[in-house]
Amino acid sequence: MSLGYLTWAMNRTDIPAEPRLVLIALADLADDTGHAWPSDDILALKVGMNADVLAIHLRWLYEAGTVKRRQDGGRPLYQLCDFVPG
C-alpha cells in the first residue's frame, strides 16, 4: 500500500462515489510507483461489486485518464495516472 496514493484517491472529490471506491481500492493495493496487480475477482470482492458493475466504474476511470490497464504476464496491471503528491 502506498499512503500517498491512498490519500490522493480518497481526496478525489471530482470523481463520483462508485468509481472513487474502485480507485481507493486500487490505491490500497498499489506500490509506491502507482502499480497494482489485483485480479478482477479480487478487485470486485474488495469493492463489493459484481464484475459487470466493476467494469462500468473501471471504464469511467480509464476514460477520465485516472487509471490505465494492461496485461503483465497474464495478470492485469493497473497504473494510477494523474497522481499529484500532496
N, C-alpha and C. Protein backbone atom coordinates (compact mmCIF):
# COMPACT_ATOMS: atom_id res chain seq x y z
N MET A 1 0.84 -1.18 0.00
CA MET A 1 0.00 0.00 0.00
C MET A 1 0.88 1.25 0.00
N SER A 2 0.48 2.20 -0.78
CA SER A 2 1.15 3.50 -0.81
C SER A 2 0.24 4.52 -0.14
N LEU A 3 0.69 5.05 0.98
CA LEU A 3 -0.14 6.03 1.70
C LEU A 3 -0.39 7.26 0.84
N GLY A 4 0.60 7.68 0.05
CA GLY A 4 0.42 8.84 -0.81
C GLY A 4 -0.68 8.63 -1.83
N TYR A 5 -0.68 7.47 -2.50
CA TYR A 5 -1.71 7.18 -3.48
C TYR A 5 -3.07 7.00 -2.82
N LEU A 6 -3.09 6.38 -1.66
CA LEU A 6 -4.36 6.17 -0.96
C LEU A 6 -4.97 7.51 -0.55
N THR A 7 -4.18 8.40 -0.01
CA THR A 7 -4.67 9.73 0.37
C THR A 7 -5.16 10.49 -0.85
N TRP A 8 -4.39 10.43 -1.93
CA TRP A 8 -4.77 11.09 -3.19
C TRP A 8 -6.12 10.57 -3.67
N ALA A 9 -6.31 9.25 -3.68
CA ALA A 9 -7.56 8.66 -4.16
C ALA A 9 -8.75 9.07 -3.28
N MET A 10 -8.54 9.06 -1.99
CA MET A 10 -9.63 9.41 -1.08
C MET A 10 -10.05 10.87 -1.23
N ASN A 11 -9.14 11.72 -1.63
CA ASN A 11 -9.43 13.15 -1.76
C ASN A 11 -9.90 13.55 -3.15
N ARG A 12 -10.11 12.60 -4.05
CA ARG A 12 -10.54 12.91 -5.41
C ARG A 12 -12.05 13.12 -5.46
N THR A 13 -12.51 14.23 -4.90
CA THR A 13 -13.94 14.52 -4.84
C THR A 13 -14.51 14.89 -6.21
N ASP A 14 -13.65 15.03 -7.21
CA ASP A 14 -14.11 15.27 -8.57
C ASP A 14 -14.57 13.99 -9.25
N ILE A 15 -14.36 12.85 -8.61
CA ILE A 15 -14.73 11.54 -9.15
C ILE A 15 -15.98 11.06 -8.42
N PRO A 16 -16.99 10.58 -9.15
CA PRO A 16 -18.20 10.07 -8.49
C PRO A 16 -17.89 8.94 -7.51
N ALA A 17 -18.78 8.71 -6.58
CA ALA A 17 -18.54 7.80 -5.45
C ALA A 17 -18.11 6.40 -5.86
N GLU A 18 -18.82 5.77 -6.80
CA GLU A 18 -18.52 4.38 -7.12
C GLU A 18 -17.16 4.24 -7.83
N PRO A 19 -16.86 5.04 -8.86
CA PRO A 19 -15.51 4.95 -9.43
C PRO A 19 -14.43 5.31 -8.41
N ARG A 20 -14.73 6.25 -7.51
CA ARG A 20 -13.75 6.61 -6.49
C ARG A 20 -13.49 5.45 -5.54
N LEU A 21 -14.52 4.68 -5.21
CA LEU A 21 -14.32 3.49 -4.37
C LEU A 21 -13.37 2.51 -5.06
N VAL A 22 -13.53 2.32 -6.36
CA VAL A 22 -12.64 1.45 -7.11
C VAL A 22 -11.23 2.03 -7.11
N LEU A 23 -11.10 3.32 -7.30
CA LEU A 23 -9.79 3.98 -7.28
C LEU A 23 -9.13 3.81 -5.91
N ILE A 24 -9.89 3.98 -4.84
CA ILE A 24 -9.35 3.80 -3.49
C ILE A 24 -8.87 2.37 -3.29
N ALA A 25 -9.63 1.40 -3.77
CA ALA A 25 -9.22 0.01 -3.65
C ALA A 25 -7.92 -0.24 -4.42
N LEU A 26 -7.81 0.31 -5.62
CA LEU A 26 -6.57 0.16 -6.40
C LEU A 26 -5.41 0.84 -5.68
N ALA A 27 -5.65 2.02 -5.14
CA ALA A 27 -4.58 2.73 -4.41
C ALA A 27 -4.14 1.95 -3.18
N ASP A 28 -5.10 1.29 -2.53
CA ASP A 28 -4.77 0.47 -1.37
C ASP A 28 -3.88 -0.70 -1.75
N LEU A 29 -4.02 -1.18 -2.98
CA LEU A 29 -3.23 -2.32 -3.46
C LEU A 29 -1.96 -1.89 -4.19
N ALA A 30 -1.81 -0.60 -4.43
CA ALA A 30 -0.70 -0.10 -5.26
C ALA A 30 0.61 -0.03 -4.49
N ASP A 31 1.69 -0.15 -5.26
CA ASP A 31 3.02 0.08 -4.69
C ASP A 31 3.35 1.57 -4.77
N ASP A 32 4.56 1.93 -4.42
CA ASP A 32 4.93 3.35 -4.38
C ASP A 32 5.07 3.98 -5.76
N THR A 33 4.97 3.18 -6.82
CA THR A 33 5.00 3.72 -8.18
C THR A 33 3.61 3.81 -8.79
N GLY A 34 2.58 3.45 -8.02
CA GLY A 34 1.21 3.52 -8.50
C GLY A 34 0.78 2.33 -9.32
N HIS A 35 1.50 1.21 -9.21
CA HIS A 35 1.14 -0.02 -9.91
C HIS A 35 0.43 -0.98 -8.95
N ALA A 36 -0.62 -1.62 -9.46
CA ALA A 36 -1.34 -2.64 -8.69
C ALA A 36 -1.67 -3.80 -9.62
N TRP A 37 -1.64 -5.02 -9.09
CA TRP A 37 -1.85 -6.21 -9.90
C TRP A 37 -3.00 -7.10 -9.40
N PRO A 38 -4.11 -6.57 -8.94
CA PRO A 38 -5.18 -7.46 -8.45
C PRO A 38 -5.89 -8.14 -9.63
N SER A 39 -6.34 -9.35 -9.39
CA SER A 39 -7.21 -9.98 -10.38
C SER A 39 -8.55 -9.26 -10.36
N ASP A 40 -9.32 -9.43 -11.42
CA ASP A 40 -10.66 -8.82 -11.46
C ASP A 40 -11.52 -9.34 -10.31
N ASP A 41 -11.39 -10.63 -10.00
CA ASP A 41 -12.18 -11.22 -8.92
C ASP A 41 -11.83 -10.61 -7.57
N ILE A 42 -10.55 -10.42 -7.31
CA ILE A 42 -10.12 -9.83 -6.03
C ILE A 42 -10.58 -8.38 -5.93
N LEU A 43 -10.44 -7.63 -7.03
CA LEU A 43 -10.86 -6.23 -7.01
C LEU A 43 -12.38 -6.13 -6.81
N ALA A 44 -13.14 -6.96 -7.49
CA ALA A 44 -14.60 -6.95 -7.34
C ALA A 44 -14.99 -7.29 -5.90
N LEU A 45 -14.33 -8.26 -5.32
CA LEU A 45 -14.61 -8.64 -3.94
C LEU A 45 -14.26 -7.50 -2.98
N LYS A 46 -13.15 -6.84 -3.22
CA LYS A 46 -12.69 -5.75 -2.35
C LYS A 46 -13.68 -4.59 -2.33
N VAL A 47 -14.30 -4.29 -3.47
CA VAL A 47 -15.22 -3.16 -3.53
C VAL A 47 -16.69 -3.57 -3.39
N GLY A 48 -16.95 -4.87 -3.32
CA GLY A 48 -18.32 -5.34 -3.12
C GLY A 48 -19.21 -5.18 -4.34
N MET A 49 -18.63 -5.35 -5.52
CA MET A 49 -19.38 -5.22 -6.78
C MET A 49 -19.22 -6.50 -7.59
N ASN A 50 -20.22 -6.77 -8.42
CA ASN A 50 -20.02 -7.88 -9.34
C ASN A 50 -19.15 -7.39 -10.50
N ALA A 51 -18.68 -8.31 -11.31
CA ALA A 51 -17.72 -7.99 -12.37
C ALA A 51 -18.27 -6.99 -13.38
N ASP A 52 -19.56 -7.08 -13.70
CA ASP A 52 -20.15 -6.17 -14.68
C ASP A 52 -20.19 -4.73 -14.17
N VAL A 53 -20.57 -4.56 -12.92
CA VAL A 53 -20.62 -3.23 -12.32
C VAL A 53 -19.21 -2.67 -12.16
N LEU A 54 -18.28 -3.52 -11.73
CA LEU A 54 -16.89 -3.09 -11.61
C LEU A 54 -16.37 -2.59 -12.95
N ALA A 55 -16.67 -3.30 -14.03
CA ALA A 55 -16.21 -2.91 -15.37
C ALA A 55 -16.73 -1.52 -15.76
N ILE A 56 -17.95 -1.20 -15.39
CA ILE A 56 -18.52 0.12 -15.69
C ILE A 56 -17.69 1.21 -15.01
N HIS A 57 -17.36 1.00 -13.75
CA HIS A 57 -16.63 2.02 -12.99
C HIS A 57 -15.16 2.10 -13.40
N LEU A 58 -14.58 0.97 -13.76
CA LEU A 58 -13.21 0.99 -14.29
C LEU A 58 -13.18 1.75 -15.62
N ARG A 59 -14.18 1.52 -16.46
CA ARG A 59 -14.25 2.23 -17.74
C ARG A 59 -14.30 3.74 -17.51
N TRP A 60 -15.05 4.18 -16.51
CA TRP A 60 -15.11 5.60 -16.18
C TRP A 60 -13.71 6.12 -15.85
N LEU A 61 -12.98 5.35 -15.02
CA LEU A 61 -11.62 5.76 -14.63
C LEU A 61 -10.66 5.76 -15.81
N TYR A 62 -10.80 4.79 -16.73
CA TYR A 62 -9.95 4.76 -17.93
C TYR A 62 -10.23 5.99 -18.79
N GLU A 63 -11.50 6.28 -19.02
CA GLU A 63 -11.88 7.40 -19.89
C GLU A 63 -11.48 8.74 -19.28
N ALA A 64 -11.43 8.82 -17.96
CA ALA A 64 -11.02 10.05 -17.29
C ALA A 64 -9.49 10.20 -17.28
N GLY A 65 -8.78 9.13 -17.66
CA GLY A 65 -7.33 9.17 -17.66
C GLY A 65 -6.71 8.99 -16.28
N THR A 66 -7.50 8.52 -15.33
CA THR A 66 -7.04 8.35 -13.96
C THR A 66 -6.34 7.01 -13.76
N VAL A 67 -6.77 6.01 -14.53
CA VAL A 67 -6.22 4.66 -14.43
C VAL A 67 -5.99 4.12 -15.84
N LYS A 68 -4.88 3.42 -16.00
CA LYS A 68 -4.61 2.67 -17.24
C LYS A 68 -4.47 1.21 -16.86
N ARG A 69 -4.79 0.33 -17.81
CA ARG A 69 -4.67 -1.11 -17.56
C ARG A 69 -4.01 -1.77 -18.75
N ARG A 70 -3.14 -2.71 -18.45
CA ARG A 70 -2.54 -3.56 -19.48
C ARG A 70 -2.29 -4.92 -18.86
N GLN A 71 -1.95 -5.87 -19.69
CA GLN A 71 -1.64 -7.21 -19.20
C GLN A 71 -0.15 -7.29 -18.87
N ASP A 72 0.18 -7.95 -17.80
CA ASP A 72 1.57 -8.14 -17.37
C ASP A 72 1.74 -9.61 -17.04
N GLY A 73 2.22 -10.37 -18.01
CA GLY A 73 2.41 -11.80 -17.77
C GLY A 73 1.12 -12.54 -17.48
N GLY A 74 0.04 -12.14 -18.13
CA GLY A 74 -1.25 -12.80 -17.93
C GLY A 74 -2.08 -12.20 -16.81
N ARG A 75 -1.50 -11.28 -16.05
CA ARG A 75 -2.25 -10.63 -14.98
C ARG A 75 -2.54 -9.19 -15.38
N PRO A 76 -3.67 -8.64 -14.90
CA PRO A 76 -3.90 -7.22 -15.17
C PRO A 76 -2.94 -6.36 -14.35
N LEU A 77 -2.41 -5.35 -14.98
CA LEU A 77 -1.57 -4.36 -14.30
C LEU A 77 -2.28 -3.02 -14.42
N TYR A 78 -2.61 -2.45 -13.29
CA TYR A 78 -3.25 -1.15 -13.24
C TYR A 78 -2.21 -0.10 -12.89
N GLN A 79 -2.27 1.04 -13.57
CA GLN A 79 -1.39 2.17 -13.28
C GLN A 79 -2.25 3.36 -12.91
N LEU A 80 -2.04 3.91 -11.74
CA LEU A 80 -2.72 5.14 -11.32
C LEU A 80 -1.97 6.29 -11.97
N CYS A 81 -2.69 7.15 -12.71
CA CYS A 81 -2.01 8.04 -13.66
C CYS A 81 -1.83 9.48 -13.25
N ASP A 82 -2.81 10.14 -12.76
CA ASP A 82 -2.68 11.60 -12.60
C ASP A 82 -2.42 12.00 -11.15
N PHE A 83 -1.60 11.19 -10.48
CA PHE A 83 -1.24 11.44 -9.09
C PHE A 83 -0.44 12.72 -8.95
N VAL A 84 -0.84 13.55 -8.01
CA VAL A 84 -0.10 14.76 -7.67
C VAL A 84 0.24 14.66 -6.18
N PRO A 85 1.52 14.58 -5.85
CA PRO A 85 1.87 14.46 -4.42
C PRO A 85 1.28 15.61 -3.62
N GLY A 86 0.79 15.28 -2.44
CA GLY A 86 0.10 16.29 -1.69
C GLY A 86 0.80 16.80 -0.51
